[in-house]
Structures are given as C-alpha cells and as structure tokens.
Amino acid sequence: MSSDVVISCRNVGKAFQLYSHYNDQLKQALLGFWKRFYNQHWVLNDVTFEVRKGERVGIIGRNGAGKTTLLQIICGITTPTKGEVAVEGRIAPILALGAGFDGSLTGRENARIGGAILGLKRNEVERRLPAIAEFAGIGPFIDQQMKYYSSGMAARLAFAVCAHADADILIIDEALAVGDEAFQQKCERYVEEFARTGTILMVSHSLDYLQGLSDRILWIDGGKVRAFGDPQPIIADYRASITGEPVPAGA
C-alpha cells in the first residue's frame, strides 16, 4: 500500500452458503469434496477502493446492499470469499455494539475485556476506566452484571470503550442512534473531534450528516461500488435513485 493509504480493498467479494434442505449442511461436511450442496449468495462482489490517512469516508446504500458486511471484513470480524483487504493502524470498530459482552460479568469487567481486544494493555485500560464509565453515563450499573442492562445501556458502554481505545481508524455502523439525545450529541462531538486527527469510515442513513462530515462517499449498490468520490453529487444521485425522481440541474 501507499504510505498514506490506511485501508485498501481490492476486488473484495463475500458469498454466503445457502442450504435448501435441512440435511444439506451435513452432506456438505461429509461429501463436499465431490459435490456442492449449497447455493452461493454474493453479498459483495469486486469491491475496490482506498481510504487515505486522515480521510473521512461515508458509506451509503439501501438495506441489504452489503455495507455492514464490508465493515465486518475490514474489521476482521469475517473474511472475504475473494479479494484482498489491508489495514494499517489500530481500529476501533463501533458496530454491533455490545454483541460481544458477557452478561454474567459486570460492565467494568466487560470494559476491561473490550479494551484488551482493541489492543490496550491492562494498565492502559485501568487508567481509562473512570473516563469510560463517565462517557457511558450508566452510573452504578457499571458494577452490575450486564444481564441486567438494557440494549441501550450495553451500546453506550461499548461506544465508550471504543472511544477510549486510542485508535487510528474509527469504523462506525449506524452507532450514533444509540441512547438518548444527550448521549447521541456526545457521540457526535466525539466523532467530530476524532475527525481532526484520525481516519473515519462510517455507514449511516443520515445523508445530511454524512455530507457534512465526509471527504468522500462510497455508494454500495447490490454488493458493488456504484460511485466513489465527491459527497454532494453522489448523495444527490442516491436520493434520486430512492425516490425515482431525476436530479435537478446544477445539483
């Protein structure tokens, strides 16, 4: 990769195995060397783009276009079926917030584990715990088992952990909608502050927010890159594709 490129995707594709019958998965495990017992469903196909250091890139597309799958591949949560992905720097993946937490552990204990997963050393996590607890704003629940948390409380804690991970790259999947309005504003302020020095890759259906934040927009349509570049014309074209109305002249 070029020295200023921190995310590189080359001809990335992701296919899931769809089984038509109950026993087909077992047949595939036993007899898959001779015959395929599943159909491939390509969620992404030949996705190629680069993100430069310090760049803010928004990702748009209809539901099911493959946006979240792309973020998961970049974060290493899942692997591509084909193509290559290269990432330089520590990632804070603000997606599927709270999905990896253990309900039998307290919020504080989960924050320690989450910080370690994001690459922080134990003493670094311990120093950040008061700030994480303050950012999450869940009060004494930080020392309660997470099985007693609402989904919103778990998401707030997960965002707080990611916000204190000293990441180089922030990857966000519709996470700014968690919590109440005050917490959402806190998250937006954090993202705006991070954008001054770090790299951001964000999926959102809030087109106005993305247009104001992003340097470039990546439009994923049917698992493929439909456009990548200047936010204003791409978002205008995307809006027109949704409504079926032509783009006004000069837009």
Protein backbone atom coordinates (compact mmCIF):
# COMPACT_ATOMS: atom_id res chain seq x y z
CA MET A 1 0.00 0.00 0.00
CA SER A 2 0.99 3.61 -0.48
CA SER A 3 2.33 5.18 2.72
CA ASP A 4 -0.75 7.41 3.10
CA VAL A 5 -3.30 4.64 2.41
CA VAL A 6 -4.62 3.05 5.61
CA ILE A 7 -7.45 0.92 4.17
CA SER A 8 -7.17 -0.88 0.85
CA CYS A 9 -9.83 -3.19 -0.61
CA ARG A 10 -9.01 -4.95 -3.88
CA ASN A 11 -11.69 -6.96 -5.73
CA VAL A 12 -13.29 -7.94 -2.42
CA GLY A 13 -16.21 -10.35 -2.58
CA LYS A 14 -18.22 -12.15 0.08
CA ALA A 15 -20.53 -15.10 -0.58
CA PHE A 16 -22.69 -16.88 1.97
CA GLN A 17 -23.70 -20.51 1.71
CA LEU A 18 -27.47 -21.01 1.42
CA TYR A 19 -28.83 -24.50 2.02
CA SER A 20 -32.18 -25.51 0.55
CA HIS A 21 -32.75 -28.59 2.72
CA TYR A 22 -32.25 -29.38 6.39
CA ASN A 23 -29.63 -32.10 5.84
CA ASP A 24 -27.65 -30.35 3.12
CA GLN A 25 -25.19 -28.79 5.56
CA LEU A 26 -24.31 -32.23 6.94
CA LYS A 27 -23.97 -33.59 3.39
CA GLN A 28 -21.64 -30.71 2.56
CA ALA A 29 -19.44 -31.55 5.55
CA LEU A 30 -19.30 -35.24 4.65
CA LEU A 31 -19.41 -35.21 0.85
CA GLY A 32 -18.43 -31.67 -0.08
CA PHE A 33 -15.17 -32.83 -1.65
CA TRP A 34 -17.16 -34.39 -4.51
CA LYS A 35 -20.29 -32.26 -4.71
CA ARG A 36 -21.56 -28.86 -3.57
CA PHE A 37 -24.83 -28.93 -1.61
CA TYR A 38 -25.36 -25.18 -1.25
CA ASN A 39 -26.03 -22.12 -3.37
CA GLN A 40 -23.71 -19.14 -3.17
CA HIS A 41 -25.28 -15.78 -2.39
CA TRP A 42 -22.86 -12.95 -3.17
CA VAL A 43 -23.37 -10.06 -0.74
CA LEU A 44 -20.32 -8.20 -2.07
CA ASN A 45 -18.62 -8.56 -5.44
CA ASP A 46 -15.43 -6.93 -6.77
CA VAL A 47 -15.39 -4.03 -4.29
CA THR A 48 -12.27 -1.92 -4.79
CA PHE A 49 -11.41 1.36 -3.04
CA GLU A 50 -8.80 3.01 -0.83
CA VAL A 51 -9.01 5.30 2.19
CA ARG A 52 -6.14 7.65 2.92
CA LYS A 53 -4.83 8.60 6.35
CA GLY A 54 -6.96 11.30 7.96
CA GLU A 55 -9.76 10.90 5.43
CA ARG A 56 -13.44 10.75 6.37
CA VAL A 57 -15.38 8.37 4.13
CA GLY A 58 -19.14 7.83 4.37
CA ILE A 59 -20.78 4.67 3.03
CA ILE A 60 -24.34 4.75 1.69
CA GLY A 61 -26.66 2.20 0.13
CA ARG A 62 -30.02 0.58 0.54
CA ASN A 63 -30.68 -2.03 3.23
CA GLY A 64 -29.07 -5.30 2.20
CA ALA A 65 -26.57 -3.64 -0.15
CA GLY A 66 -23.62 -5.15 1.75
CA LYS A 67 -22.45 -2.12 3.77
CA THR A 68 -22.24 -3.82 7.16
CA THR A 69 -20.62 -6.92 5.67
CA LEU A 70 -17.94 -4.69 4.14
CA LEU A 71 -17.23 -3.08 7.52
CA GLN A 72 -17.05 -6.50 9.18
CA ILE A 73 -14.47 -7.64 6.61
CA ILE A 74 -12.35 -4.54 7.14
CA CYS A 75 -12.51 -5.04 10.93
CA GLY A 76 -11.54 -8.71 10.60
CA ILE A 77 -14.83 -9.99 12.03
CA THR A 78 -15.39 -12.05 8.89
CA THR A 79 -13.13 -12.99 5.98
CA PRO A 80 -13.71 -12.23 2.31
CA THR A 81 -14.50 -15.07 -0.07
CA LYS A 82 -12.21 -13.44 -2.61
CA GLY A 83 -10.04 -10.36 -2.90
CA GLU A 84 -7.61 -8.66 -0.54
CA VAL A 85 -8.01 -6.25 2.37
CA ALA A 86 -5.11 -4.40 4.01
CA VAL A 87 -5.39 -2.11 7.04
CA GLU A 88 -2.65 -0.01 8.65
CA GLY A 89 -3.27 1.12 12.23
CA ARG A 90 -5.45 0.26 15.21
CA ILE A 91 -9.18 0.07 14.51
CA ALA A 92 -11.99 0.99 16.88
CA PRO A 93 -14.98 -0.90 15.41
CA ILE A 94 -18.16 0.79 16.61
CA LEU A 95 -20.58 -1.76 15.16
CA ALA A 96 -22.82 -4.46 16.59
CA LEU A 97 -22.43 -2.55 19.85
CA GLY A 98 -22.36 -4.79 22.89
CA ALA A 99 -22.71 -8.02 20.91
CA GLY A 100 -19.53 -9.49 22.38
CA PHE A 101 -20.24 -8.69 26.01
CA ASP A 102 -20.64 -11.42 28.63
CA GLY A 103 -23.89 -10.97 30.55
CA SER A 104 -22.53 -12.73 33.62
CA LEU A 105 -19.75 -10.12 34.03
CA THR A 106 -20.09 -6.56 35.23
CA GLY A 107 -19.87 -3.58 32.91
CA ARG A 108 -16.45 -2.74 34.33
CA GLU A 109 -15.18 -6.27 33.70
CA ASN A 110 -16.53 -6.22 30.16
CA ALA A 111 -14.88 -2.86 29.59
CA ARG A 112 -11.53 -4.38 30.61
CA ILE A 113 -12.00 -7.26 28.16
CA GLY A 114 -13.19 -4.92 25.41
CA GLY A 115 -10.17 -2.67 25.85
CA ALA A 116 -7.82 -5.66 25.69
CA ILE A 117 -9.48 -6.88 22.48
CA LEU A 118 -8.91 -3.43 20.97
CA GLY A 119 -5.20 -3.68 21.75
CA LEU A 120 -4.85 -1.78 25.02
CA LYS A 121 -2.55 -3.07 27.73
CA ARG A 122 -4.04 -3.86 31.14
CA ASN A 123 -2.63 -0.76 32.85
CA GLU A 124 -3.88 1.40 29.95
CA VAL A 125 -7.40 0.02 30.36
CA GLU A 126 -7.31 0.59 34.12
CA ARG A 127 -6.29 4.23 33.66
CA ARG A 128 -9.15 4.76 31.20
CA LEU A 129 -11.90 3.02 33.21
CA PRO A 130 -13.07 6.18 35.06
CA ALA A 131 -13.32 8.07 31.75
CA ILE A 132 -15.10 5.13 30.11
CA ALA A 133 -17.64 4.99 32.95
CA GLU A 134 -18.19 8.76 32.77
CA PHE A 135 -18.65 8.69 28.98
CA ALA A 136 -21.13 5.79 29.12
CA GLY A 137 -23.15 7.60 31.77
CA ILE A 138 -24.77 4.48 33.25
CA GLY A 139 -23.96 5.35 36.88
CA PRO A 140 -23.73 2.47 39.39
CA PHE A 141 -24.74 -0.03 36.71
CA ILE A 142 -21.07 -0.08 35.66
CA ASP A 143 -20.55 -2.53 38.55
CA GLN A 144 -23.65 -4.63 37.88
CA GLN A 145 -23.86 -7.75 35.75
CA MET A 146 -24.64 -6.87 32.15
CA LYS A 147 -27.57 -9.28 32.00
CA TYR A 148 -29.46 -6.53 33.84
CA TYR A 149 -28.60 -3.91 31.19
CA SER A 150 -30.97 -2.66 28.55
CA SER A 151 -29.70 -2.88 24.97
CA GLY A 152 -29.19 0.89 25.03
CA MET A 153 -27.03 0.72 28.17
CA ALA A 154 -24.87 -2.02 26.64
CA ALA A 155 -24.45 0.02 23.48
CA ARG A 156 -23.45 3.11 25.47
CA LEU A 157 -20.76 1.16 27.30
CA ALA A 158 -19.47 -0.38 24.06
CA PHE A 159 -19.23 3.03 22.40
CA ALA A 160 -17.43 4.41 25.45
CA VAL A 161 -14.83 1.61 25.31
CA CYS A 162 -14.19 2.23 21.61
CA ALA A 163 -13.95 5.98 22.21
CA HIS A 164 -11.05 5.43 24.64
CA ALA A 165 -9.06 2.89 22.60
CA ASP A 166 -6.54 5.37 21.14
CA ALA A 167 -7.47 4.12 17.67
CA ASP A 168 -6.08 5.35 14.37
CA ILE A 169 -9.20 4.36 12.43
CA LEU A 170 -12.79 4.71 13.58
CA ILE A 171 -15.30 2.42 11.85
CA ILE A 172 -18.94 3.19 12.62
CA ASP A 173 -22.11 1.37 11.60
CA GLU A 174 -25.21 3.40 12.50
CA ALA A 175 -23.98 3.62 16.09
CA LEU A 176 -24.84 7.27 16.65
CA ALA A 177 -28.51 6.41 17.11
CA VAL A 178 -27.96 4.71 20.49
CA GLY A 179 -29.08 6.20 23.78
CA ASP A 180 -30.97 9.41 24.43
CA GLU A 181 -30.49 12.72 22.61
CA ALA A 182 -27.83 13.93 25.04
CA PHE A 183 -25.75 10.79 24.53
CA GLN A 184 -26.17 10.99 20.76
CA GLN A 185 -24.84 14.55 20.85
CA LYS A 186 -21.90 13.36 22.97
CA CYS A 187 -21.13 10.67 20.36
CA GLU A 188 -21.34 13.18 17.51
CA ARG A 189 -18.97 15.56 19.32
CA TYR A 190 -16.53 12.69 19.83
CA VAL A 191 -16.66 11.76 16.13
CA GLU A 192 -16.11 15.38 15.10
CA GLU A 193 -13.14 15.63 17.46
CA PHE A 194 -11.70 12.32 16.22
CA ALA A 195 -12.07 13.52 12.62
CA ARG A 196 -9.47 16.25 13.22
CA THR A 197 -6.63 13.72 13.53
CA GLY A 198 -7.93 10.24 12.71
CA THR A 199 -9.43 8.29 9.82
CA ILE A 200 -13.17 7.56 9.77
CA LEU A 201 -15.21 5.05 7.79
CA MET A 202 -18.91 5.41 8.58
CA VAL A 203 -22.17 3.82 7.45
CA SER A 204 -25.25 5.95 8.04
CA HIS A 205 -28.69 6.59 6.60
CA SER A 206 -28.43 10.22 7.77
CA LEU A 207 -27.38 11.64 4.42
CA ASP A 208 -27.17 15.26 5.58
CA TYR A 209 -24.87 14.27 8.44
CA LEU A 210 -22.63 12.25 6.10
CA GLN A 211 -22.48 15.04 3.55
CA GLY A 212 -21.30 17.48 6.20
CA LEU A 213 -18.75 15.07 7.69
CA SER A 214 -17.31 13.17 4.74
CA ASP A 215 -14.48 13.97 2.36
CA ARG A 216 -15.70 11.23 0.01
CA ILE A 217 -18.76 8.99 -0.27
CA LEU A 218 -18.74 5.30 -1.20
CA TRP A 219 -22.08 4.17 -2.69
CA ILE A 220 -22.63 0.41 -2.48
CA ASP A 221 -25.44 -0.86 -4.69
CA GLY A 222 -26.26 -4.56 -4.94
CA GLY A 223 -22.91 -5.51 -3.44
CA LYS A 224 -20.88 -3.45 -5.92
CA VAL A 225 -19.33 0.02 -5.92
CA ARG A 226 -21.67 2.29 -7.84
CA ALA A 227 -19.81 5.52 -7.13
CA PHE A 228 -16.92 6.79 -5.01
CA GLY A 229 -15.99 10.44 -4.77
CA ASP A 230 -17.39 13.90 -4.06
CA PRO A 231 -20.24 13.66 -1.49
CA GLN A 232 -22.67 16.22 -2.94
CA PRO A 233 -23.32 14.75 -6.42
CA ILE A 234 -23.21 11.14 -5.21
CA ILE A 235 -25.71 11.77 -2.41
CA ALA A 236 -27.94 13.68 -4.84
CA ASP A 237 -27.85 10.73 -7.27
CA TYR A 238 -28.53 8.29 -4.42
CA ARG A 239 -31.54 10.30 -3.23
CA ALA A 240 -32.87 10.37 -6.79
CA SER A 241 -32.45 6.60 -7.12
CA ILE A 242 -34.52 6.08 -3.96
CA THR A 243 -37.33 8.46 -4.88
CA GLY A 244 -37.26 7.74 -8.60
CA GLU A 245 -37.07 11.44 -9.34
CA PRO A 246 -34.44 12.99 -11.65
CA VAL A 247 -31.60 15.00 -10.15
CA PRO A 248 -32.26 18.77 -10.55
CA ALA A 249 -29.91 20.58 -12.92
CA GLY A 250 -26.92 22.01 -11.10
CA ALA A 251 -27.37 19.75 -8.06
